[in-house]
Protein backbone atom coordinates (compact mmCIF):
# COMPACT_ATOMS: atom_id res chain seq x y z
CA MET A 1 24.89 -20.55 0.76
CA VAL A 2 21.93 -22.43 -0.66
CA SER A 3 22.67 -26.09 -1.31
CA SER A 4 19.43 -26.81 -3.15
CA ILE A 5 16.06 -25.38 -4.08
CA HIS A 6 12.89 -27.45 -4.30
CA LEU A 7 9.89 -26.03 -6.12
CA VAL A 8 6.61 -27.90 -5.71
CA ASP A 9 3.14 -27.20 -7.00
CA PRO A 10 0.01 -29.33 -7.48
CA SER A 11 -0.65 -27.71 -10.88
CA ILE A 12 0.78 -29.52 -13.90
CA GLU A 13 0.62 -26.24 -15.84
CA VAL A 14 2.68 -24.38 -13.21
CA ILE A 15 5.27 -27.18 -13.18
CA LYS A 16 5.50 -27.09 -16.99
CA ASN A 17 5.96 -23.31 -16.91
CA LEU A 18 8.68 -23.61 -14.26
CA LYS A 19 10.52 -26.24 -16.28
CA ASP A 20 10.17 -24.17 -19.47
CA SER A 21 11.33 -20.97 -17.77
CA TYR A 22 14.79 -19.44 -17.81
CA ILE A 23 15.65 -21.42 -14.67
CA THR A 24 17.36 -24.66 -15.50
CA GLU A 25 17.59 -27.41 -12.95
CA GLN A 26 21.28 -28.04 -13.62
CA ASP A 27 22.37 -24.42 -13.15
CA PHE A 28 20.97 -23.91 -9.67
CA LYS A 29 20.48 -27.38 -8.18
CA ILE A 30 16.75 -26.84 -8.51
CA THR A 31 14.32 -29.71 -8.18
CA ILE A 32 10.86 -29.13 -9.63
CA GLU A 33 8.17 -31.52 -8.45
CA HIS A 34 4.50 -31.97 -9.19
CA LYS A 35 3.02 -32.50 -5.73
CA SER A 36 0.99 -30.83 -3.04
CA GLY A 37 2.57 -29.03 -0.09
CA GLN A 38 0.73 -31.47 2.17
CA ASP A 39 2.83 -34.27 0.59
CA LEU A 40 6.23 -32.72 1.33
CA VAL A 41 8.83 -34.61 3.31
CA LEU A 42 11.54 -32.20 4.45
CA ARG A 43 15.25 -32.87 4.60
CA PRO A 44 16.96 -32.66 7.99
CA GLN A 45 19.26 -29.70 7.23
CA LYS A 46 18.30 -26.07 7.93
CA LYS A 47 15.48 -24.88 5.73
CA LEU A 48 13.87 -21.72 4.47
CA ILE A 49 10.38 -22.57 3.27
CA LEU A 50 8.29 -20.18 1.19
CA ILE A 51 4.56 -20.83 0.88
CA ALA A 52 2.76 -18.36 -1.37
CA GLY A 53 0.25 -18.05 -4.17
CA MET A 54 -2.67 -19.62 -2.32
CA GLY A 55 -5.21 -18.92 0.37
CA GLY A 56 -4.82 -19.00 4.12
CA LYS A 57 -6.73 -22.27 4.51
CA GLU A 58 -4.33 -24.06 2.17
CA ILE A 59 -1.30 -22.48 3.84
CA GLY A 60 -2.63 -23.49 7.26
CA SER A 61 -3.05 -27.07 6.06
CA ILE A 62 0.51 -27.17 4.72
CA LEU A 63 1.89 -25.65 7.95
CA THR A 64 0.05 -28.28 9.99
CA HIS A 65 1.60 -31.01 7.83
CA LEU A 66 5.12 -29.52 7.99
CA LEU A 67 5.14 -28.61 11.70
CA PRO A 68 6.39 -32.00 13.00
CA GLN A 69 9.24 -31.86 10.45
CA LEU A 70 10.47 -28.35 11.37
CA THR A 71 13.22 -27.44 13.83
CA VAL A 72 13.93 -24.21 15.72
CA ASP A 73 16.58 -23.41 13.07
CA ASP A 74 14.09 -23.36 10.20
CA ASP A 75 12.29 -20.30 8.86
CA VAL A 76 8.95 -20.27 7.08
CA ILE A 77 7.80 -17.34 4.93
CA ILE A 78 4.14 -17.23 4.01
CA SER A 79 2.14 -14.89 1.80
CA PRO A 80 -1.56 -15.74 1.82
CA HIS A 81 -3.72 -14.26 -0.93
CA ARG A 82 -7.06 -14.70 0.86
CA ASP A 83 -8.45 -15.91 4.19
CA ILE A 84 -5.67 -13.97 5.90
CA LEU A 85 -7.50 -13.13 9.12
CA PRO A 86 -8.46 -16.74 9.99
CA LEU A 87 -4.91 -17.87 9.21
CA ARG A 88 -3.40 -15.16 11.43
CA GLU A 89 -5.83 -16.05 14.22
CA SER A 90 -4.75 -19.70 14.10
CA LEU A 91 -1.07 -18.70 13.97
CA ALA A 92 -1.60 -16.52 17.07
CA LEU A 93 -2.62 -19.70 18.93
CA SER A 94 0.06 -21.91 17.41
CA THR A 95 3.66 -22.71 18.35
CA PHE A 96 4.95 -20.39 15.62
CA TYR A 97 6.63 -17.11 16.49
CA LEU A 98 6.84 -13.98 14.38
CA LYS A 99 10.29 -13.13 13.02
CA ASP A 100 9.13 -10.32 10.75
CA GLU A 101 6.20 -9.19 8.65
CA SER A 102 5.48 -6.59 6.03
CA VAL A 103 3.06 -5.74 3.29
CA VAL A 104 4.18 -5.37 -0.31
CA LEU A 105 2.42 -3.84 -3.28
CA ASP A 106 2.84 -5.64 -6.60
CA GLU A 107 0.97 -4.73 -9.77
CA GLY A 108 -1.79 -3.00 -7.81
CA ARG A 109 -2.30 -5.82 -5.29
CA PHE A 110 -1.27 -5.89 -1.64
CA TYR A 111 0.30 -9.00 -0.13
CA GLN A 112 1.15 -9.71 3.48
CA VAL A 113 4.53 -11.41 3.85
CA ILE A 114 5.02 -13.11 7.22
CA CYS A 115 8.24 -14.78 8.40
CA LEU A 116 7.73 -17.44 11.07
CA SER A 117 9.95 -19.59 13.25
CA LEU A 118 9.52 -22.11 16.05
CA SER A 119 11.84 -20.02 18.22
CA GLY A 120 11.40 -16.47 19.42
CA ASN A 121 9.37 -14.45 21.84
CA VAL A 122 6.92 -12.51 19.63
CA LYS A 123 3.62 -14.24 18.99
CA VAL A 124 1.80 -13.63 15.72
CA HIS A 125 -0.85 -10.94 16.13
CA SER A 126 -4.27 -11.59 14.61
CA TYR A 127 -4.24 -8.30 12.71
CA GLY A 128 -0.51 -7.82 12.28
CA THR A 129 1.58 -5.28 14.09
CA LYS A 130 4.30 -4.18 11.69
CA ILE A 131 2.48 -4.14 8.36
CA TRP A 132 0.61 -0.87 8.73
CA GLY A 133 3.46 1.67 8.63
CA GLY A 134 4.89 3.62 5.73
CA GLU A 135 3.24 4.58 2.48
CA THR A 136 2.49 1.00 1.44
CA GLY A 137 1.00 0.23 4.85
CA ARG A 138 -1.25 3.30 4.65
CA GLY A 139 -2.47 2.26 1.21
CA TYR A 140 -3.08 -1.25 2.49
CA ARG A 141 -5.04 0.11 5.47
CA GLU A 142 -7.28 2.17 3.16
CA HIS A 143 -7.79 -0.84 0.89
CA GLN A 144 -8.70 -3.06 3.85
CA LEU A 145 -11.12 -0.49 5.30
CA LEU A 146 -13.00 -0.33 2.01
CA HIS A 147 -13.11 -4.11 1.71
CA PHE A 148 -14.11 -4.95 5.27
CA ASN A 149 -16.59 -2.08 5.70
CA ALA A 150 -18.81 -3.98 3.23
CA HIS A 151 -19.10 -6.91 5.67
CA LYS A 152 -21.22 -6.89 8.80
CA ASP A 153 -19.99 -10.01 10.57
CA THR A 154 -18.40 -9.75 14.03
CA ARG A 155 -14.85 -10.55 12.84
CA SER A 156 -14.97 -7.88 10.11
CA LEU A 157 -16.38 -5.26 12.48
CA ALA A 158 -13.58 -5.93 14.97
CA TYR A 159 -11.03 -5.67 12.15
CA VAL A 160 -12.52 -2.37 10.96
CA SER A 161 -12.35 -1.01 14.53
CA PHE A 162 -8.68 -2.03 14.68
CA LEU A 163 -7.93 -0.35 11.33
CA LYS A 164 -9.73 2.85 12.27
CA ALA A 165 -7.74 3.02 15.49
CA LEU A 166 -4.55 3.06 13.40
CA THR A 167 -5.58 6.19 11.49
């Protein structure tokens, strides 16, 4: 059972939209705050943290800030919209473990969804290991091949080689 939900965003417009939405703070014990993820101070009880709607650099910065406040009982779900490869590479070297990952398709856009924890035995893979299966994964692979084939840097070429090996 969820005891409380805290929604934070640095955008005043997003906060206004949240407060004006169908969600009322009284109904669901929701707290809506105008602040950056790097300013969060977490409560000591078990947490499920969702960080989405931003790039990998921003998510990495928030994770770095939150890391000292997390326990092995906490879960963190992230969904970066850009700079995914550098974020995954840093997660592969971090103290986070992979609980699960998938790719979802929403309104014609693909999003990686990655669940992390400080406990476990599966390290995060730079390119992902579970996101490439099924129909959505195949579509994502084709999308990524088209996107990264246009780049000629070393990281992109390695990624393209990885993707081609999956087909």
